[in-house]
Amino acid sequence: MTARLRNSLIVLLIFLGTFLTANQTWADSQKKSRPNILFLFSDDQRADALSAYDNPHIRTPNLDQLVRTGFSFRNAFCMGSIHGAVCQPSRAMLNSGRTLYHVPMDLKGVITLPQLLKQAGYTTFGTGKWHNQSDSFQKSFTTGTAVFIGGMSNHLKVPVVDLKDGKFENKRIGVKFSNELFVDAAVDFLNEHPQDEPFYAYVAFTSPHDPRMPPAAAMKVYENVRPPLPKNFMSQHPFNNGWMTGRDEVLTGWPRQPEIIREQLAEYYGMITDMDSQIGRILNTLKEKGLDENTIVIFSSDHGLALGSHGLLGKQNLYEHSMKSPLIFKGPGIPQNESSNALVYLYDIFPTVCDLTHTQVPAGVEGSDLAPIWRGKTDRVRDSLFTTYENLMRAVRDDRWKLIRYPQINKTQLFDLKQDPHELQDLSQNPEQKERVQKMLTLLKNWQQKTDDNQPLTSDHPQPETIDLTGRKRKPDQHQPRWIVEKYFDSE
């Protein structure tokens, strides 16, 4: 080999080495620039069931810390439901980024958020509740542990399964309380996952959904001092909204007794406090593994719950307490201890995560990216918001005013949320509000047209508005443990 050729080879090797090193450095920087996503999702948690959200009666130290170190959306809503299990369509919308009438409940033919991220190179992990059929979980996640395919169960007997290599295996009944069961799975994933590979971890709790059976340690906080009644507590709902005796509504009798509602609130808060303590384990693991600096943490819930508000117990209504959820984003580039009152939907999370992970938003996604709000580029993504429940209720609201229409009884409610945030004073019959009612009805019809909701707002044969459920017999579902049946059903 001549000296000239040898020198040329040396130069070439040096160039290749420099190129490969630079390329690896670029690849490593690309991985680091794509943050991990940890999505914590509760079940039936109303927006005010957080201490940091102006509720001194509940203990949620870990979620409060997320609020202090993150950005909160204080007007985040589920769009509604086509049936009583509101959590199913809420999760379908969340995971598809689509509106209620544009997404199948089994997510068939729709690209999901975890599926999109998996295609983009993320390891996608799921644990906990998946209420949108098993096929959609399989296409969405790389791996899963203690996955509950269903809507609800006894928290000490959750039927779960694992996902490995695209197939479900190890079908079993969980031997721990649901919160601990799912968090154990999440912590194991974080401990085992390679730190240099981006992940999307979806941890979907079944708390605080009933049966409300908190572990004794979490319940101790509320044993001596029960939470106060909600400010809009009523002994019965003042009219027949069409969904007065469904499963959620029979968890206590009529008229609603203040002491029983306070007892159920204590159990509800106990479920959340236990979940909060388990969430603390996940957040501590992130920190111990050095992952917290490059992980976006999202916390939300599928919808709220009445629990005595307006004389109701469930989520099958369009009052704020039942359609509104907490929503927090925390992580690199996100302001700390700030919030927005912008009107947002849970399905806005999809395009927001796409923004945060530098992933192309797929066709069909209808949500809006929320990141420009905390970046100071806008203060809103929409001027009004539409909610719906079965063929029984439709509502529309803006920054101040809210109208609810009940087509089956030809009834309208109008609330001034600025002066009456608890929706207690119906102004629909006030002559001074006649023009506003018509304006809001027009806005409601525009939303219906936009979202392909074909429900008429008036009935030719309306149902009776008056209803009295005093003393009505009730029957528990199969998921309630014996002690709850004895406490809230057998006493009658």
Protein backbone atom coordinates (compact mmCIF):
# COMPACT_ATOMS: atom_id res chain seq x y z
CA MET A 1 0.00 0.00 0.00
CA THR A 2 1.45 3.34 -1.00
CA ALA A 3 1.82 6.13 1.53
CA ARG A 4 -0.66 8.23 -0.45
CA LEU A 5 -3.32 5.48 -0.39
CA ARG A 6 -2.67 4.84 3.31
CA ASN A 7 -3.15 8.50 4.11
CA SER A 8 -6.35 8.60 2.07
CA LEU A 9 -7.72 5.62 4.01
CA ILE A 10 -6.83 7.25 7.30
CA VAL A 11 -8.65 10.42 6.25
CA LEU A 12 -11.68 8.36 5.15
CA LEU A 13 -11.75 6.45 8.45
CA ILE A 14 -11.51 9.68 10.41
CA PHE A 15 -14.38 11.12 8.33
CA LEU A 16 -16.54 8.04 8.81
CA GLY A 17 -15.83 8.01 12.54
CA THR A 18 -16.73 11.67 12.83
CA PHE A 19 -19.87 11.14 10.74
CA LEU A 20 -21.03 8.14 12.77
CA THR A 21 -20.33 9.91 16.06
CA ALA A 22 -22.22 12.99 14.88
CA ASN A 23 -25.06 10.84 13.60
CA GLN A 24 -25.31 8.98 16.91
CA THR A 25 -25.19 12.26 18.80
CA TRP A 26 -28.02 13.56 16.58
CA ALA A 27 -30.03 10.37 17.13
CA ASP A 28 -29.51 10.60 20.89
CA SER A 29 -30.56 14.25 20.89
CA GLN A 30 -33.66 13.37 18.88
CA LYS A 31 -34.63 10.76 21.46
CA LYS A 32 -34.06 13.22 24.29
CA SER A 33 -36.04 15.93 22.48
CA ARG A 34 -39.06 13.63 22.32
CA PRO A 35 -40.39 13.56 25.86
CA ASN A 36 -41.90 10.56 27.56
CA ILE A 37 -45.63 10.78 28.28
CA LEU A 38 -47.14 9.53 31.52
CA PHE A 39 -50.94 9.74 31.38
CA LEU A 40 -52.73 9.26 34.72
CA PHE A 41 -56.49 8.87 34.21
CA SER A 42 -59.03 8.51 37.00
CA ASP A 43 -62.63 7.32 36.75
CA ASP A 44 -65.62 9.47 37.77
CA GLN A 45 -63.59 12.24 39.45
CA ARG A 46 -65.41 15.54 39.47
CA ALA A 47 -63.27 18.61 38.86
CA ASP A 48 -63.54 19.96 42.40
CA ALA A 49 -62.36 16.69 44.00
CA LEU A 50 -58.82 18.02 44.44
CA SER A 51 -57.54 19.94 47.41
CA ALA A 52 -55.60 22.30 45.14
CA TYR A 53 -58.82 23.09 43.29
CA ASP A 54 -60.25 25.01 46.24
CA ASN A 55 -61.47 21.98 48.18
CA PRO A 56 -59.99 21.87 51.69
CA HIS A 57 -62.09 18.83 52.60
CA ILE A 58 -60.17 16.27 50.50
CA ARG A 59 -56.57 15.10 50.91
CA THR A 60 -54.66 14.87 47.58
CA PRO A 61 -51.04 15.92 48.27
CA ASN A 62 -49.49 14.34 45.17
CA LEU A 63 -52.07 15.71 42.75
CA ASP A 64 -51.77 19.07 44.50
CA GLN A 65 -48.04 18.97 43.77
CA LEU A 66 -48.81 18.35 40.09
CA VAL A 67 -51.05 21.43 40.14
CA ARG A 68 -48.27 23.53 41.74
CA THR A 69 -45.64 22.33 39.26
CA GLY A 70 -47.87 22.22 36.20
CA PHE A 71 -50.56 23.96 34.18
CA SER A 72 -54.26 23.39 34.92
CA PHE A 73 -57.24 23.72 32.62
CA ARG A 74 -60.10 24.59 34.94
CA ASN A 75 -62.86 24.19 32.32
CA ALA A 76 -62.14 20.76 30.83
CA PHE A 77 -65.17 18.74 29.73
CA CYS A 78 -66.33 15.39 28.49
CA MET A 79 -68.56 16.05 25.49
CA GLY A 80 -71.18 13.56 26.67
CA SER A 81 -72.53 10.11 25.99
CA ILE A 82 -74.86 7.98 23.89
CA HIS A 83 -75.64 5.67 26.85
CA GLY A 84 -75.45 5.36 30.63
CA ALA A 85 -71.79 4.26 30.80
CA VAL A 86 -70.48 7.75 30.07
CA CYS A 87 -66.91 6.57 30.63
CA GLN A 88 -66.90 4.49 27.43
CA PRO A 89 -67.60 7.27 24.90
CA SER A 90 -65.45 9.66 26.93
CA ARG A 91 -62.48 7.31 26.52
CA ALA A 92 -63.28 6.71 22.86
CA MET A 93 -63.19 10.47 22.23
CA LEU A 94 -60.04 10.92 24.31
CA ASN A 95 -58.13 8.17 22.52
CA SER A 96 -59.28 9.17 19.03
CA GLY A 97 -59.36 12.97 19.28
CA ARG A 98 -62.84 12.86 17.73
CA THR A 99 -66.25 14.14 18.73
CA LEU A 100 -68.98 11.90 20.09
CA TYR A 101 -70.93 11.19 16.91
CA HIS A 102 -67.79 10.68 14.81
CA VAL A 103 -66.15 7.83 16.72
CA PRO A 104 -67.15 4.15 17.18
CA MET A 105 -67.12 2.95 20.77
CA ASP A 106 -64.77 0.06 19.90
CA LEU A 107 -62.40 2.44 18.05
CA LYS A 108 -62.53 0.18 15.02
CA GLY A 109 -61.00 1.80 11.94
CA VAL A 110 -59.73 4.74 13.99
CA ILE A 111 -56.09 5.43 14.79
CA THR A 112 -55.68 5.88 18.52
CA LEU A 113 -53.21 8.16 20.30
CA PRO A 114 -51.07 5.30 21.67
CA GLN A 115 -51.21 3.55 18.28
CA LEU A 116 -49.94 6.72 16.60
CA LEU A 117 -47.11 7.08 19.09
CA LYS A 118 -46.21 3.42 18.71
CA GLN A 119 -45.90 3.96 14.97
CA ALA A 120 -43.71 7.00 15.70
CA GLY A 121 -41.21 4.93 17.67
CA TYR A 122 -42.59 5.15 21.19
CA THR A 123 -42.94 2.13 23.44
CA THR A 124 -46.58 2.26 24.49
CA PHE A 125 -47.58 0.69 27.80
CA GLY A 126 -51.06 0.36 29.28
CA THR A 127 -52.48 -0.74 32.61
CA GLY A 128 -55.87 -0.42 34.24
CA LYS A 129 -59.24 0.25 32.68
CA TRP A 130 -59.76 -0.01 28.94
CA HIS A 131 -63.47 0.27 28.16
CA ASN A 132 -63.27 0.18 24.36
CA GLN A 133 -62.90 -3.53 23.57
CA SER A 134 -59.78 -5.67 23.51
CA ASP A 135 -58.92 -5.30 19.79
CA SER A 136 -58.30 -1.58 20.14
CA PHE A 137 -55.99 -2.15 23.10
CA GLN A 138 -53.97 -4.69 21.12
CA LYS A 139 -53.45 -2.32 18.20
CA SER A 140 -52.60 0.58 20.52
CA PHE A 141 -50.06 -0.78 22.95
CA THR A 142 -46.68 -2.43 22.70
CA THR A 143 -47.15 -4.03 26.08
CA GLY A 144 -49.63 -4.10 28.94
CA THR A 145 -49.85 -5.46 32.47
CA ALA A 146 -52.94 -5.84 34.66
CA VAL A 147 -55.25 -4.58 31.93
CA PHE A 148 -58.96 -4.47 32.79
CA ILE A 149 -61.13 -4.78 29.69
CA GLY A 150 -64.45 -3.55 31.03
CA GLY A 151 -66.35 -0.80 32.80
CA MET A 152 -66.41 -1.55 36.53
CA SER A 153 -65.74 -4.25 39.09
CA ASN A 154 -65.23 -4.89 42.78
CA HIS A 155 -61.89 -3.13 43.48
CA LEU A 156 -60.55 -6.20 45.29
CA LYS A 157 -61.50 -8.59 42.49
CA VAL A 158 -60.56 -6.87 39.23
CA PRO A 159 -60.36 -9.29 36.27
CA VAL A 160 -57.14 -8.44 34.45
CA VAL A 161 -54.91 -9.71 31.64
CA ASP A 162 -51.45 -8.91 30.25
CA LEU A 163 -50.46 -8.02 26.69
CA LYS A 164 -47.23 -9.51 25.35
CA ASP A 165 -46.10 -9.75 21.73
CA GLY A 166 -49.52 -8.62 20.55
CA LYS A 167 -51.43 -11.32 22.42
CA PHE A 168 -53.28 -11.40 25.72
CA GLU A 169 -52.08 -13.84 28.36
CA ASN A 170 -52.15 -14.53 32.10
CA LYS A 171 -55.86 -13.90 32.57
CA ARG A 172 -56.55 -13.65 36.29
CA ILE A 173 -58.31 -11.90 39.16
CA GLY A 174 -56.21 -9.19 40.78
CA VAL A 175 -55.22 -9.95 44.37
CA LYS A 176 -54.64 -6.32 45.41
CA PHE A 177 -56.80 -3.23 45.63
CA SER A 178 -57.21 -1.77 42.15
CA ASN A 179 -55.11 1.37 42.73
CA GLU A 180 -52.15 -0.64 44.01
CA LEU A 181 -52.57 -3.30 41.33
CA PHE A 182 -52.31 -0.82 38.47
CA VAL A 183 -49.54 1.26 40.04
CA ASP A 184 -47.46 -1.84 40.69
CA ALA A 185 -47.67 -2.54 36.96
CA ALA A 186 -46.70 1.03 36.05
CA VAL A 187 -43.77 1.11 38.48
CA ASP A 188 -42.47 -2.21 37.14
CA PHE A 189 -42.66 -0.86 33.61
CA LEU A 190 -40.71 2.30 34.53
CA ASN A 191 -38.07 0.27 36.34
CA GLU A 192 -37.56 -2.13 33.43
CA HIS A 193 -37.87 0.21 30.44
CA PRO A 194 -34.60 1.38 28.80
CA GLN A 195 -34.06 4.99 29.78
CA ASP A 196 -32.93 6.08 26.32
CA GLU A 197 -36.16 4.98 24.57
CA PRO A 198 -39.23 7.25 24.65
CA PHE A 199 -42.40 5.81 26.18
CA TYR A 200 -46.10 6.52 26.49
CA ALA A 201 -47.48 5.03 29.72
CA TYR A 202 -51.27 5.03 30.15
CA VAL A 203 -52.36 4.34 33.73
CA ALA A 204 -56.16 4.24 33.87
CA PHE A 205 -57.55 3.83 37.38
CA THR A 206 -60.99 2.49 38.26
CA SER A 207 -61.12 4.90 41.21
CA PRO A 208 -63.14 6.66 42.41
CA HIS A 209 -65.85 4.82 40.43
CA ASP A 210 -68.14 2.82 42.67
CA PRO A 211 -68.27 0.48 44.43
CA ARG A 212 -66.79 3.08 46.74
CA MET A 213 -64.83 0.82 49.08
CA PRO A 214 -61.63 2.67 50.03
CA PRO A 215 -58.89 0.90 52.00
CA ALA A 216 -59.12 1.58 55.73
CA ALA A 217 -55.92 3.66 55.80
CA ALA A 218 -57.30 6.13 53.24
CA MET A 219 -60.70 6.27 54.94
CA LYS A 220 -59.21 7.25 58.31
CA VAL A 221 -58.79 10.82 57.11
CA TYR A 222 -62.56 11.17 56.87
CA GLU A 223 -63.76 9.01 59.78
CA ASN A 224 -64.25 11.80 62.30
CA VAL A 225 -65.16 14.69 59.99
CA ARG A 226 -67.36 13.93 57.01
CA PRO A 227 -67.12 16.25 53.98
CA PRO A 228 -69.84 18.92 53.81
CA LEU A 229 -72.72 18.62 51.38
CA PRO A 230 -72.16 20.16 47.94
CA LYS A 231 -73.46 23.72 47.72
CA ASN A 232 -76.09 22.61 45.20
CA PHE A 233 -77.31 19.64 47.25
CA MET A 234 -81.00 18.82 46.79
CA SER A 235 -83.10 16.04 48.29
CA GLN A 236 -84.54 15.28 44.84
CA HIS A 237 -84.01 16.64 41.37
CA PRO A 238 -86.80 19.17 40.74
CA PHE A 239 -88.09 17.54 37.54
CA ASN A 240 -87.83 14.36 35.48
CA ASN A 241 -84.71 14.67 33.34
CA GLY A 242 -85.37 11.25 31.79
CA TRP A 243 -82.60 9.41 33.66
CA MET A 244 -83.77 9.46 37.27
CA THR A 245 -83.57 5.78 38.24
CA GLY A 246 -80.55 4.42 36.34
CA ARG A 247 -77.85 2.32 38.00
CA ASP A 248 -75.84 5.22 39.40
CA GLU A 249 -78.91 6.95 40.78
CA VAL A 250 -80.05 4.02 42.95
CA LEU A 251 -76.93 3.95 45.14
CA THR A 252 -79.01 5.63 47.81
CA GLY A 253 -82.74 6.27 48.20
CA TRP A 254 -85.11 9.20 47.76
CA PRO A 255 -85.34 11.75 49.14
CA ARG A 256 -81.56 11.99 49.46
CA GLN A 257 -80.58 12.04 53.12
CA PRO A 258 -77.82 14.55 54.00
CA GLU A 259 -76.03 12.17 56.36
CA ILE A 260 -75.95 9.40 53.73
CA ILE A 261 -74.66 11.76 51.03
CA ARG A 262 -71.92 12.93 53.38
CA GLU A 263 -71.03 9.30 54.12
CA GLN A 264 -70.82 8.50 50.41
CA LEU A 265 -68.74 11.62 49.82
CA ALA A 266 -66.33 10.43 52.52
CA GLU A 267 -65.99 7.07 50.77
CA TYR A 268 -65.56 8.82 47.41
CA TYR A 269 -62.86 11.08 48.84
CA GLY A 270 -61.23 8.05 50.46
CA MET A 271 -60.99 6.36 47.06
CA ILE A 272 -59.30 9.46 45.64
CA THR A 273 -56.94 9.82 48.58
CA ASP A 274 -55.83 6.19 48.17
CA MET A 275 -55.34 6.72 44.44
CA ASP A 276 -53.35 9.87 45.16
CA SER A 277 -50.97 8.00 47.48
CA GLN A 278 -50.40 5.38 44.78
CA ILE A 279 -49.79 8.09 42.17
CA GLY A 280 -47.07 9.34 44.50
CA ARG A 281 -45.27 6.01 44.03
CA ILE A 282 -45.23 6.50 40.25
CA LEU A 283 -43.96 10.07 40.51
CA ASN A 284 -41.25 8.99 42.96
CA THR A 285 -40.16 6.23 40.57
CA LEU A 286 -39.88 8.77 37.74
CA LYS A 287 -37.60 10.89 39.90
CA GLU A 288 -35.51 7.97 41.16
CA LYS A 289 -34.93 6.78 37.58
CA GLY A 290 -33.96 10.26 36.43
CA LEU A 291 -36.94 10.35 34.06
CA ASP A 292 -38.82 13.29 35.53
CA GLU A 293 -36.81 15.91 33.61
CA ASN A 294 -37.94 14.53 30.24
CA THR A 295 -41.44 13.27 31.04
CA ILE A 296 -44.73 15.07 30.45
CA VAL A 297 -47.22 14.04 33.15
CA ILE A 298 -50.90 14.42 32.31
CA PHE A 299 -53.64 13.92 34.86
CA SER A 300 -57.35 13.91 34.09
CA SER A 301 -60.59 11.98 34.53
CA ASP A 302 -63.23 10.76 32.10
CA HIS A 303 -65.99 13.00 33.56
CA GLY A 304 -67.40 14.11 36.89
CA LEU A 305 -70.13 12.87 39.23
CA ALA A 306 -73.11 14.42 40.99
CA LEU A 307 -72.94 12.81 44.46
CA GLY A 308 -75.88 14.77 45.84
CA SER A 309 -75.60 17.84 43.64
CA HIS A 310 -79.04 18.71 42.25
CA GLY A 311 -80.45 15.63 44.00
CA LEU A 312 -78.51 13.35 41.62
CA LEU A 313 -75.74 10.81 42.18
CA GLY A 314 -74.38 9.91 38.74
CA LYS A 315 -72.80 11.38 35.63
CA GLN A 316 -75.85 11.02 33.38
CA ASN A 317 -76.69 14.73 33.34
CA LEU A 318 -75.22 17.90 31.84
CA TYR A 319 -74.60 19.97 34.94
CA GLU A 320 -71.03 21.21 35.44
CA HIS A 321 -70.34 18.78 38.27
CA SER A 322 -70.93 15.76 36.01
CA MET A 323 -69.38 16.81 32.69
CA LYS A 324 -66.32 18.69 33.99
CA SER A 325 -62.99 16.98 34.81
CA PRO A 326 -59.64 18.04 36.26
CA LEU A 327 -56.91 18.42 33.63
CA ILE A 328 -53.24 19.05 34.44
CA PHE A 329 -50.11 19.07 32.25
CA LYS A 330 -46.69 19.07 33.90
CA GLY A 331 -43.23 18.76 32.39
CA PRO A 332 -40.44 20.42 30.41
CA GLY A 333 -41.52 23.65 28.73
CA ILE A 334 -44.82 23.83 30.62
CA PRO A 335 -45.35 26.75 33.05
CA GLN A 336 -45.65 25.94 36.74
CA ASN A 337 -48.55 26.80 39.03
CA GLU A 338 -50.55 28.46 36.28
CA SER A 339 -54.05 27.81 34.95
CA SER A 340 -56.53 28.71 32.25
CA ASN A 341 -60.31 29.04 32.16
CA ALA A 342 -60.42 28.27 28.43
CA LEU A 343 -63.24 25.94 27.35
CA VAL A 344 -61.57 22.66 26.42
CA TYR A 345 -62.56 19.06 25.75
CA LEU A 346 -60.78 15.92 26.85
CA TYR A 347 -60.34 15.00 23.20
CA ASP A 348 -58.08 18.07 22.86
CA ILE A 349 -55.45 16.03 24.70
CA PHE A 350 -54.76 14.01 21.51
CA PRO A 351 -53.44 16.87 19.32
CA THR A 352 -51.74 18.44 22.35
CA VAL A 353 -49.69 15.28 22.89
CA CYS A 354 -48.90 15.27 19.17
CA ASP A 355 -47.49 18.78 19.58
CA LEU A 356 -45.43 17.78 22.62
CA THR A 357 -43.99 14.70 20.91
CA HIS A 358 -43.46 16.32 17.48
CA THR A 359 -45.89 13.84 15.91
CA GLN A 360 -48.08 14.59 12.90
CA VAL A 361 -51.77 14.90 13.79
CA PRO A 362 -53.67 12.30 11.74
CA ALA A 363 -56.68 13.04 9.57
CA GLY A 364 -60.00 12.87 11.40
CA VAL A 365 -58.78 14.39 14.67
CA GLU A 366 -61.16 17.20 15.67
CA GLY A 367 -59.56 18.34 18.91
CA SER A 368 -57.50 21.51 19.32
CA ASP A 369 -53.88 21.76 20.45
CA LEU A 370 -53.86 23.30 23.94
CA ALA A 371 -50.15 24.04 24.12
CA PRO A 372 -50.49 27.52 22.52
CA ILE A 373 -52.53 28.53 25.58
CA TRP A 374 -49.72 27.94 28.08
CA ARG A 375 -47.21 29.34 25.57
CA GLY A 376 -49.11 32.62 25.67
CA LYS A 377 -50.05 32.61 21.98
CA THR A 378 -53.81 32.52 22.61
CA ASP A 379 -56.20 32.45 25.55
CA ARG A 380 -58.75 30.07 24.02
CA VAL A 381 -59.31 27.37 21.41
CA ARG A 382 -63.09 27.82 21.12
CA ASP A 383 -65.71 30.36 22.18
CA SER A 384 -68.40 27.90 23.23
CA LEU A 385 -68.81 24.28 24.22
CA PHE A 386 -71.49 21.65 23.55
CA THR A 387 -72.45 18.68 25.75
CA THR A 388 -74.98 15.93 25.19
CA TYR A 389 -76.54 12.91 26.88
CA GLU A 390 -78.51 10.20 25.04
CA ASN A 391 -81.67 11.66 23.46
CA LEU A 392 -82.55 13.29 26.78
CA MET A 393 -80.40 16.39 27.17
CA ARG A 394 -78.42 18.93 25.15
CA ALA A 395 -76.43 21.87 26.50
CA VAL A 396 -74.30 24.72 25.26
CA ARG A 397 -72.24 27.24 27.21
CA ASP A 398 -69.84 30.10 26.67
CA ASP A 399 -67.64 31.96 29.13
CA ARG A 400 -70.65 33.03 31.17
CA TRP A 401 -73.99 31.62 30.03
CA LYS A 402 -75.22 28.06 29.86
CA LEU A 403 -78.40 26.64 28.36
CA ILE A 404 -79.66 23.07 28.89
CA ARG A 405 -82.47 21.69 26.77
CA TYR A 406 -84.53 18.59 27.67
CA PRO A 407 -86.26 17.56 24.40
CA GLN A 408 -88.41 14.79 25.90
CA ILE A 409 -90.21 17.21 28.21
CA ASN A 410 -89.74 20.42 26.16
CA LYS A 411 -87.93 22.13 29.02
CA THR A 412 -85.12 24.69 28.97
CA GLN A 413 -82.79 25.92 31.69
CA LEU A 414 -80.59 29.02 31.52
CA PHE A 415 -77.83 29.73 34.03
CA ASP A 416 -75.54 32.71 34.55
CA LEU A 417 -72.39 30.82 35.53
CA LYS A 418 -70.61 34.00 36.53
CA GLN A 419 -73.19 34.83 39.18
CA ASP A 420 -74.44 31.29 39.76
CA PRO A 421 -71.61 28.76 39.27
CA HIS A 422 -73.57 26.01 41.02
CA GLU A 423 -76.49 26.24 38.57
CA LEU A 424 -79.23 26.89 41.09
CA GLN A 425 -81.17 29.79 39.56
CA ASP A 426 -82.89 28.98 36.28
CA LEU A 427 -83.36 32.24 34.33
CA SER A 428 -85.02 30.73 31.25
CA GLN A 429 -88.44 32.17 32.11
CA ASN A 430 -87.14 35.62 32.94
CA PRO A 431 -88.57 38.01 30.28
CA GLU A 432 -85.29 39.91 30.24
CA GLN A 433 -83.51 36.74 29.07
CA LYS A 434 -85.86 35.85 26.22
CA GLU A 435 -83.46 37.07 23.53
CA ARG A 436 -80.52 35.31 25.19
CA VAL A 437 -82.42 32.00 25.31
CA GLN A 438 -83.06 32.24 21.58
CA LYS A 439 -79.44 33.13 20.91
CA MET A 440 -78.21 30.16 22.93
CA LEU A 441 -80.69 27.82 21.22
CA THR A 442 -79.32 28.93 17.86
CA LEU A 443 -75.79 28.28 19.08
CA LEU A 444 -76.90 24.84 20.28
CA LYS A 445 -78.35 24.00 16.85
CA ASN A 446 -75.13 25.14 15.18
CA TRP A 447 -73.15 22.77 17.37
CA GLN A 448 -75.55 19.94 16.54
CA GLN A 449 -75.07 20.55 12.83
CA LYS A 450 -71.28 20.75 13.22
CA THR A 451 -71.07 17.46 15.15
CA ASP A 452 -73.78 15.54 13.22
CA ASP A 453 -76.14 15.34 16.18
CA ASN A 454 -79.60 14.81 14.71
CA GLN A 455 -81.62 14.91 17.92
CA PRO A 456 -84.71 17.18 17.65
CA LEU A 457 -84.88 19.75 20.44
CA THR A 458 -88.67 19.57 20.72
CA SER A 459 -91.07 16.66 21.22
CA ASP A 460 -94.57 16.52 19.75
CA HIS A 461 -95.58 14.21 22.59
CA PRO A 462 -93.63 15.35 25.64
CA GLN A 463 -93.29 13.19 28.74
CA PRO A 464 -94.53 14.43 32.14
CA GLU A 465 -92.11 16.79 33.84
CA THR A 466 -93.22 16.05 37.39
CA ILE A 467 -91.75 13.09 39.28
CA ASP A 468 -91.57 11.98 42.92
CA LEU A 469 -89.35 9.01 43.75
CA THR A 470 -89.97 8.96 47.48
CA GLY A 471 -89.73 5.41 48.79
CA ARG A 472 -89.00 3.82 45.43
CA LYS A 473 -87.49 0.31 45.72
CA ARG A 474 -83.87 -0.12 44.65
CA LYS A 475 -81.71 -3.06 43.61
CA PRO A 476 -77.88 -3.20 43.82
CA ASP A 477 -75.73 -4.36 40.91
CA GLN A 478 -73.52 -7.43 41.14
CA HIS A 479 -70.32 -5.43 41.68
CA GLN A 480 -71.26 -4.03 45.09
CA PRO A 481 -69.60 -5.92 47.99
CA ARG A 482 -71.82 -7.31 50.68
CA TRP A 483 -71.05 -4.63 53.25
CA ILE A 484 -72.14 -1.86 50.87
CA VAL A 485 -75.36 -3.73 50.09
CA GLU A 486 -76.06 -4.08 53.79
CA LYS A 487 -75.21 -0.44 54.46
CA TYR A 488 -77.09 1.26 51.62
CA PHE A 489 -79.70 -1.23 50.41
CA ASP A 490 -80.69 -3.77 53.08
CA SER A 491 -81.51 -1.02 55.58
CA GLU A 492 -84.60 -0.26 53.52
